[in-house]
C-alpha atoms as a PDB file:
ATOM      1  CA  MET A   1      12.244 -12.859  -3.257  1.00  0.00           C
ATOM      2  CA  LYS A   2      11.788 -15.059  -0.218  1.00  0.00           C
ATOM      3  CA  THR A   3       9.634 -12.304   1.431  1.00  0.00           C
ATOM      4  CA  ILE A   4       7.356 -12.025  -1.663  1.00  0.00           C
ATOM      5  CA  LYS A   5       6.896 -15.815  -1.728  1.00  0.00           C
ATOM      6  CA  PHE A   6       6.155 -15.855   2.033  1.00  0.00           C
ATOM      7  CA  LEU A   7       3.588 -13.019   1.724  1.00  0.00           C
ATOM      8  CA  ILE A   8       1.859 -14.764  -1.177  1.00  0.00           C
ATOM      9  CA  ALA A   9       1.836 -18.146   0.773  1.00  0.00           C
ATOM     10  CA  VAL A  10       0.377 -16.525   3.900  1.00  0.00           C
ATOM     11  CA  PHE A  11      -2.429 -14.764   1.911  1.00  0.00           C
ATOM     12  CA  ALA A  12      -3.217 -17.936  -0.032  1.00  0.00           C
ATOM     13  CA  LEU A  13      -3.421 -19.903   3.240  1.00  0.00           C
ATOM     14  CA  VAL A  14      -5.757 -17.330   4.861  1.00  0.00           C
ATOM     15  CA  ALA A  15      -7.875 -17.030   1.720  1.00  0.00           C
ATOM     16  CA  PHE A  16      -8.188 -20.826   1.547  1.00  0.00           C
ATOM     17  CA  THR A  17      -9.139 -21.068   5.168  1.00  0.00           C
ATOM     18  CA  VAL A  18     -11.968 -18.297   5.083  1.00  0.00           C
ATOM     19  CA  SER A  19     -13.156 -19.015   1.574  1.00  0.00           C
ATOM     20  CA  ALA A  20     -16.396 -20.604   2.661  1.00  0.00           C
ATOM     21  CA  ASN A  21     -17.393 -17.363   4.684  1.00  0.00           C
ATOM     22  CA  ALA A  22     -15.524 -14.866   2.458  1.00  0.00           C
ATOM     23  CA  GLN A  23     -16.723 -12.267  -0.044  1.00  0.00           C
ATOM     24  CA  GLY A  24     -14.240 -11.053  -2.582  1.00  0.00           C
ATOM     25  CA  ASN A  25     -13.774  -7.893  -4.407  1.00  0.00           C
ATOM     26  CA  ILE A  26     -11.413  -6.345  -6.908  1.00  0.00           C
ATOM     27  CA  GLN A  27      -9.840  -2.981  -6.331  1.00  0.00           C
ATOM     28  CA  LEU A  28      -8.346  -0.374  -8.626  1.00  0.00           C
ATOM     29  CA  GLY A  29      -7.023   3.130  -7.573  1.00  0.00           C
ATOM     30  CA  TYR A  30      -4.486   5.814  -7.140  1.00  0.00           C
ATOM     31  CA  VAL A  31      -1.849   5.700  -4.491  1.00  0.00           C
ATOM     32  CA  GLN A  32       0.717   8.352  -3.342  1.00  0.00           C
ATOM     33  CA  PRO A  33       3.426   6.905  -1.133  1.00  0.00           C
ATOM     34  CA  THR A  34       5.694   9.437   0.682  1.00  0.00           C
ATOM     35  CA  THR A  35       8.894   8.786   2.370  1.00  0.00           C
ATOM     36  CA  VAL A  36       9.887  11.223   5.244  1.00  0.00           C
ATOM     37  CA  THR A  37      13.513  11.338   6.093  1.00  0.00           C
ATOM     38  CA  THR A  38      14.964  12.906   9.248  1.00  0.00           C
ATOM     39  CA  MET A  39      18.569  13.869   9.468  1.00  0.00           C
ATOM     40  CA  ASN A  40      20.114  16.103  12.142  1.00  0.00           C
ATOM     41  CA  GLY A  41      16.752  17.231  13.183  1.00  0.00           C
ATOM     42  CA  ALA A  42      15.785  18.308   9.651  1.00  0.00           C
ATOM     43  CA  LYS A  43      12.896  16.593   7.799  1.00  0.00           C
ATOM     44  CA  THR A  44      12.514  16.089   3.981  1.00  0.00           C
ATOM     45  CA  SER A  45       9.792  14.251   2.170  1.00  0.00           C
ATOM     46  CA  GLN A  46       9.472  12.788  -1.278  1.00  0.00           C
ATOM     47  CA  SER A  47       6.307  11.531  -2.910  1.00  0.00           C
ATOM     48  CA  MET A  48       5.564   9.291  -5.837  1.00  0.00           C
ATOM     49  CA  ASP A  49       2.310   8.704  -7.823  1.00  0.00           C
ATOM     50  CA  GLY A  50       1.059   5.273  -8.494  1.00  0.00           C
ATOM     51  CA  ILE A  51      -1.630   2.966  -9.865  1.00  0.00           C
ATOM     52  CA  GLN A  52      -2.704   0.105  -7.576  1.00  0.00           C
ATOM     53  CA  ALA A  53      -4.807  -2.958  -8.396  1.00  0.00           C
ATOM     54  CA  GLY A  54      -5.539  -6.192  -6.567  1.00  0.00           C
ATOM     55  CA  PHE A  55      -8.318  -8.064  -4.749  1.00  0.00           C
ATOM     56  CA  ASN A  56      -9.638  -8.389  -1.149  1.00  0.00           C
ATOM     57  CA  TYR A  57     -11.371 -11.111   0.807  1.00  0.00           C
ATOM     58  CA  THR A  58     -13.812 -10.045   3.451  1.00  0.00           C
ATOM     59  CA  MET A  59     -14.749 -12.527   6.184  1.00  0.00           C
ATOM     60  CA  SER A  60     -17.758 -11.743   8.491  1.00  0.00           C
ATOM     61  CA  VAL A  61     -16.878 -12.002  12.233  1.00  0.00           C
ATOM     62  CA  GLN A  62     -19.992 -10.743  13.855  1.00  0.00           C
ATOM     63  CA  GLU A  63     -22.246  -8.105  12.485  1.00  0.00           C
ATOM     64  CA  PRO A  64     -21.341  -5.277  11.842  1.00  0.00           C
ATOM     65  CA  VAL A  65     -17.659  -6.332  12.247  1.00  0.00           C
ATOM     66  CA  SER A  66     -15.614  -8.154   9.569  1.00  0.00           C
ATOM     67  CA  LEU A  67     -12.046  -8.946   8.787  1.00  0.00           C
ATOM     68  CA  GLN A  68     -10.531  -8.061   5.369  1.00  0.00           C
ATOM     69  CA  PHE A  69      -7.295  -9.265   3.787  1.00  0.00           C
ATOM     70  CA  GLY A  70      -5.972  -7.795   0.579  1.00  0.00           C
ATOM     71  CA  LEU A  71      -3.188  -8.431  -1.865  1.00  0.00           C
ATOM     72  CA  LEU A  72      -2.390  -5.293  -3.873  1.00  0.00           C
ATOM     73  CA  TYR A  73       0.172  -4.467  -6.616  1.00  0.00           C
ATOM     74  CA  SER A  74       1.426  -0.910  -7.247  1.00  0.00           C
ATOM     75  CA  TYR A  75       3.237   0.568 -10.174  1.00  0.00           C
ATOM     76  CA  LEU A  76       4.862   3.819  -8.929  1.00  0.00           C
ATOM     77  CA  PHE A  77       6.428   6.762 -10.874  1.00  0.00           C
ATOM     78  CA  LYS A  78       7.713  10.267 -10.681  1.00  0.00           C
ATOM     79  CA  ASN A  79       9.086  12.520 -13.316  1.00  0.00           C
ATOM     80  CA  ASN A  80      10.535  15.876 -12.563  1.00  0.00           C
ATOM     81  CA  THR A  81      13.075  18.319 -14.210  1.00  0.00           C
ATOM     82  CA  VAL A  82      15.763  20.316 -12.406  1.00  0.00           C
ATOM     83  CA  LEU A  83      18.133  22.655 -14.398  1.00  0.00           C
ATOM     84  CA  SER A  84      16.904  21.140 -17.657  1.00  0.00           C
ATOM     85  CA  ILE A  85      17.839  17.657 -16.402  1.00  0.00           C
ATOM     86  CA  ASP A  86      15.098  15.046 -16.374  1.00  0.00           C
ATOM     87  CA  THR A  87      14.886  12.590 -13.446  1.00  0.00           C
ATOM     88  CA  LYS A  88      12.636   9.440 -13.730  1.00  0.00           C
ATOM     89  CA  THR A  89      11.907   7.280 -10.817  1.00  0.00           C
ATOM     90  CA  GLN A  90       9.925   3.977 -11.071  1.00  0.00           C
ATOM     91  CA  GLY A  91       8.947   1.397  -8.511  1.00  0.00           C
ATOM     92  CA  HIS A  92       6.919  -1.759  -8.136  1.00  0.00           C
ATOM     93  CA  ALA A  93       5.395  -2.785  -4.701  1.00  0.00           C
ATOM     94  CA  LEU A  94       3.225  -5.417  -3.140  1.00  0.00           C
ATOM     95  CA  ASP A  95       0.849  -4.623  -0.173  1.00  0.00           C
ATOM     96  CA  VAL A  96      -1.036  -7.024   2.230  1.00  0.00           C
ATOM     97  CA  PRO A  97      -3.443  -4.941   4.251  1.00  0.00           C
ATOM     98  CA  VAL A  98      -5.278  -6.730   7.081  1.00  0.00           C
ATOM     99  CA  ASP A  99      -8.118  -4.625   8.359  1.00  0.00           C
ATOM    100  CA  ILE A 100     -10.967  -4.736  10.816  1.00  0.00           C
ATOM    101  CA  VAL A 101     -14.009  -3.341   9.070  1.00  0.00           C
ATOM    102  CA  ILE A 102     -17.115  -1.897  10.768  1.00  0.00           C
ATOM    103  CA  THR A 103     -20.099  -1.431   8.380  1.00  0.00           C
ATOM    104  CA  PHE A 104     -23.025   0.951   8.898  1.00  0.00           C
ATOM    105  CA  PRO A 105     -26.131   0.547   6.731  1.00  0.00           C
ATOM    106  CA  LEU A 106     -27.398   3.841   5.505  1.00  0.00           C
ATOM    107  CA  GLY A 107     -30.304   2.500   3.363  1.00  0.00           C
ATOM    108  CA  ARG A 108     -31.393  -0.432   1.276  1.00  0.00           C
ATOM    109  CA  ASP A 109     -28.341  -0.470  -1.010  1.00  0.00           C
ATOM    110  CA  LEU A 110     -26.037   2.081   0.627  1.00  0.00           C
ATOM    111  CA  LYS A 111     -23.495   1.283   3.348  1.00  0.00           C
ATOM    112  CA  LEU A 112     -20.688   3.319   5.051  1.00  0.00           C
ATOM    113  CA  CYS A 113     -17.629   1.485   6.376  1.00  0.00           C
ATOM    114  CA  ALA A 114     -14.752   2.388   8.558  1.00  0.00           C
ATOM    115  CA  PHE A 115     -11.647   0.299   8.811  1.00  0.00           C
ATOM    116  CA  GLY A 116      -8.075   0.037  10.102  1.00  0.00           C
ATOM    117  CA  GLY A 117      -5.166  -2.285  10.622  1.00  0.00           C
ATOM    118  CA  PRO A 118      -1.584  -3.070   9.590  1.00  0.00           C
ATOM    119  CA  ASP A 119      -0.345  -3.006   5.962  1.00  0.00           C
ATOM    120  CA  PHE A 120       2.668  -5.214   5.157  1.00  0.00           C
ATOM    121  CA  SER A 121       4.381  -3.616   2.132  1.00  0.00           C
ATOM    122  CA  TYR A 122       7.390  -4.878   0.023  1.00  0.00           C
ATOM    123  CA  MET A 123       9.187  -2.856  -2.631  1.00  0.00           C
ATOM    124  CA  ILE A 124       9.913  -5.301  -5.404  1.00  0.00           C
ATOM    125  CA  ALA A 125      12.070  -2.807  -7.147  1.00  0.00           C
ATOM    126  CA  LYS A 126      12.852   0.997  -7.316  1.00  0.00           C
ATOM    127  CA  SER A 127      15.118   2.680  -9.916  1.00  0.00           C
ATOM    128  CA  ILE A 128      16.150   6.225 -10.572  1.00  0.00           C
ATOM    129  CA  LYS A 129      17.386   7.625 -13.947  1.00  0.00           C
ATOM    130  CA  VAL A 130      18.921  10.960 -14.111  1.00  0.00           C
ATOM    131  CA  GLY A 131      19.319  12.431 -17.683  1.00  0.00           C
ATOM    132  CA  ASN A 132      21.011  10.079 -20.000  1.00  0.00           C
ATOM    133  CA  SER A 133      22.816   8.142 -17.404  1.00  0.00           C
ATOM    134  CA  ASP A 134      22.113   4.478 -16.564  1.00  0.00           C
ATOM    135  CA  SER A 135      19.309   3.643 -14.101  1.00  0.00           C
ATOM    136  CA  TYR A 136      20.446   3.602 -10.411  1.00  0.00           C
ATOM    137  CA  ASP A 137      18.878   0.493  -8.667  1.00  0.00           C
ATOM    138  CA  LEU A 138      18.184   1.669  -5.124  1.00  0.00           C
ATOM    139  CA  TYR A 139      18.247  -1.721  -3.508  1.00  0.00           C
ATOM    140  CA  LYS A 140      21.122  -3.132  -5.463  1.00  0.00           C
ATOM    141  CA  ASN A 141      23.362  -0.201  -4.854  1.00  0.00           C
ATOM    142  CA  ASN A 142      22.284   0.916  -1.379  1.00  0.00           C
ATOM    143  CA  SER A 143      22.664  -1.764   1.330  1.00  0.00           C
ATOM    144  CA  ASP A 144      21.075   0.500   3.961  1.00  0.00           C
ATOM    145  CA  ALA A 145      17.749   0.775   1.991  1.00  0.00           C
ATOM    146  CA  GLN A 146      15.078  -1.671   3.316  1.00  0.00           C
ATOM    147  CA  ARG A 147      12.488  -3.244   1.060  1.00  0.00           C
ATOM    148  CA  PHE A 148      10.035  -4.229   3.704  1.00  0.00           C
ATOM    149  CA  ASN A 149       7.749  -1.715   5.306  1.00  0.00           C
ATOM    150  CA  LEU A 150       5.183  -2.089   8.094  1.00  0.00           C
ATOM    151  CA  GLN A 151       2.413   0.587   8.161  1.00  0.00           C
ATOM    152  CA  LEU A 152      -0.625   1.202  10.304  1.00  0.00           C
ATOM    153  CA  GLY A 153      -3.567   2.489   8.267  1.00  0.00           C
ATOM    154  CA  VAL A 154      -7.110   3.827   8.777  1.00  0.00           C
ATOM    155  CA  GLY A 155      -9.790   4.586   6.293  1.00  0.00           C
ATOM    156  CA  ALA A 156     -13.445   4.866   5.348  1.00  0.00           C
ATOM    157  CA  GLY A 157     -15.565   3.844   2.385  1.00  0.00           C
ATOM    158  CA  LEU A 158     -18.956   4.086   0.799  1.00  0.00           C
ATOM    159  CA  MET A 159     -20.661   1.157  -0.910  1.00  0.00           C
ATOM    160  CA  PHE A 160     -23.624   1.221  -3.189  1.00  0.00           C
ATOM    161  CA  GLN A 161     -24.834  -2.298  -4.189  1.00  0.00           C
ATOM    162  CA  ASP A 162     -21.673  -4.029  -5.489  1.00  0.00           C
ATOM    163  CA  PHE A 163     -19.566  -0.895  -6.121  1.00  0.00           C
ATOM    164  CA  GLY A 164     -17.712   1.257  -3.701  1.00  0.00           C
ATOM    165  CA  ILE A 165     -15.148   3.889  -3.145  1.00  0.00           C
ATOM    166  CA  LYS A 166     -12.796   4.023  -0.292  1.00  0.00           C
ATOM    167  CA  PHE A 167      -9.976   6.214   1.188  1.00  0.00           C
ATOM    168  CA  ARG A 168      -6.942   5.052   3.208  1.00  0.00           C
ATOM    169  CA  TYR A 169      -3.972   6.616   4.919  1.00  0.00           C
ATOM    170  CA  ASN A 170      -0.970   4.657   6.199  1.00  0.00           C
ATOM    171  CA  TRP A 171       1.742   5.724   8.756  1.00  0.00           C
ATOM    172  CA  GLY A 172       5.081   3.932   8.544  1.00  0.00           C
ATOM    173  CA  ILE A 173       6.181   2.584  11.927  1.00  0.00           C
ATOM    174  CA  ILE A 174       9.593   1.029  11.050  1.00  0.00           C
ATOM    175  CA  ASP A 175      12.789   2.715   9.842  1.00  0.00           C
ATOM    176  CA  LEU A 176      13.545   2.128   6.124  1.00  0.00           C
ATOM    177  CA  ASP A 177      17.158   3.207   6.371  1.00  0.00           C
ATOM    178  CA  LYS A 178      19.485   0.964   8.269  1.00  0.00           C
ATOM    179  CA  SER A 179      22.199   3.663   8.658  1.00  0.00           C
ATOM    180  CA  SER A 180      22.462   5.377  11.991  1.00  0.00           C
ATOM    181  CA  ALA A 181      22.687   8.877  10.410  1.00  0.00           C
ATOM    182  CA  THR A 182      19.040   9.044   9.179  1.00  0.00           C
ATOM    183  CA  LYS A 183      15.563   7.783   9.972  1.00  0.00           C
ATOM    184  CA  THR A 184      13.168   7.223   7.071  1.00  0.00           C
ATOM    185  CA  VAL A 185       9.529   6.206   7.314  1.00  0.00           C
ATOM    186  CA  GLY A 186       7.118   5.463   4.515  1.00  0.00           C
ATOM    187  CA  ASN A 187       3.647   6.851   4.714  1.00  0.00           C
ATOM    188  CA  GLY A 188       0.926   6.690   1.960  1.00  0.00           C
ATOM    189  CA  PHE A 189      -2.473   7.801   0.753  1.00  0.00           C
ATOM    190  CA  ALA A 190      -4.814   5.837  -1.326  1.00  0.00           C
ATOM    191  CA  ILE A 191      -8.237   6.281  -3.081  1.00  0.00           C
ATOM    192  CA  SER A 192      -9.794   3.193  -4.772  1.00  0.00           C
ATOM    193  CA  LEU A 193     -12.835   1.943  -6.533  1.00  0.00           C
ATOM    194  CA  THR A 194     -14.024  -1.532  -5.588  1.00  0.00           C
ATOM    195  CA  HIS A 195     -16.333  -4.068  -7.082  1.00  0.00           C
ATOM    196  CA  THR A 196     -17.722  -7.086  -5.287  1.00  0.00           C
ATOM    197  CA  LEU A 197     -17.521 -10.338  -7.077  1.00  0.00           C
END
């Protein structure tokens, strides 16, 4: 909870500082976070689907370069059935991407942009329910699981007037499992629609 309050406070401070020169937009899209676990040289991966929504502030630095800060919420889910037993996984996450953006005008109302930078992610909650059993709280019951994730992402987007579409891929750069037996990193893909306010 302290980490969430810290991230929100940092974003609010930055947003207030740059508000005079900033342009805001709202964002809605699909995300697919994937955890990759390495144990004894063998790798396994697990993906979830998700809906992401939030807003961004873009501050012009010097044309065509700008700096963009975001605050995004994701609802994550995965349902699968093995041997007639249903398993449901749900999660909630906050992301604060900080990107350097380069914009290339293609015409009067059309722009192409490329961006990249760190993404500070925090899993608020993640639960797993197998069959009729009680939900298993990953972070409450597993002291080795780490909520905070630091990722490095790159992406590209296309803007037409006030509307846009953008793609992003993140690579996890810290271990999400504190145990010495395994190493887990969290990667992720996202596609989003944006609207400038």
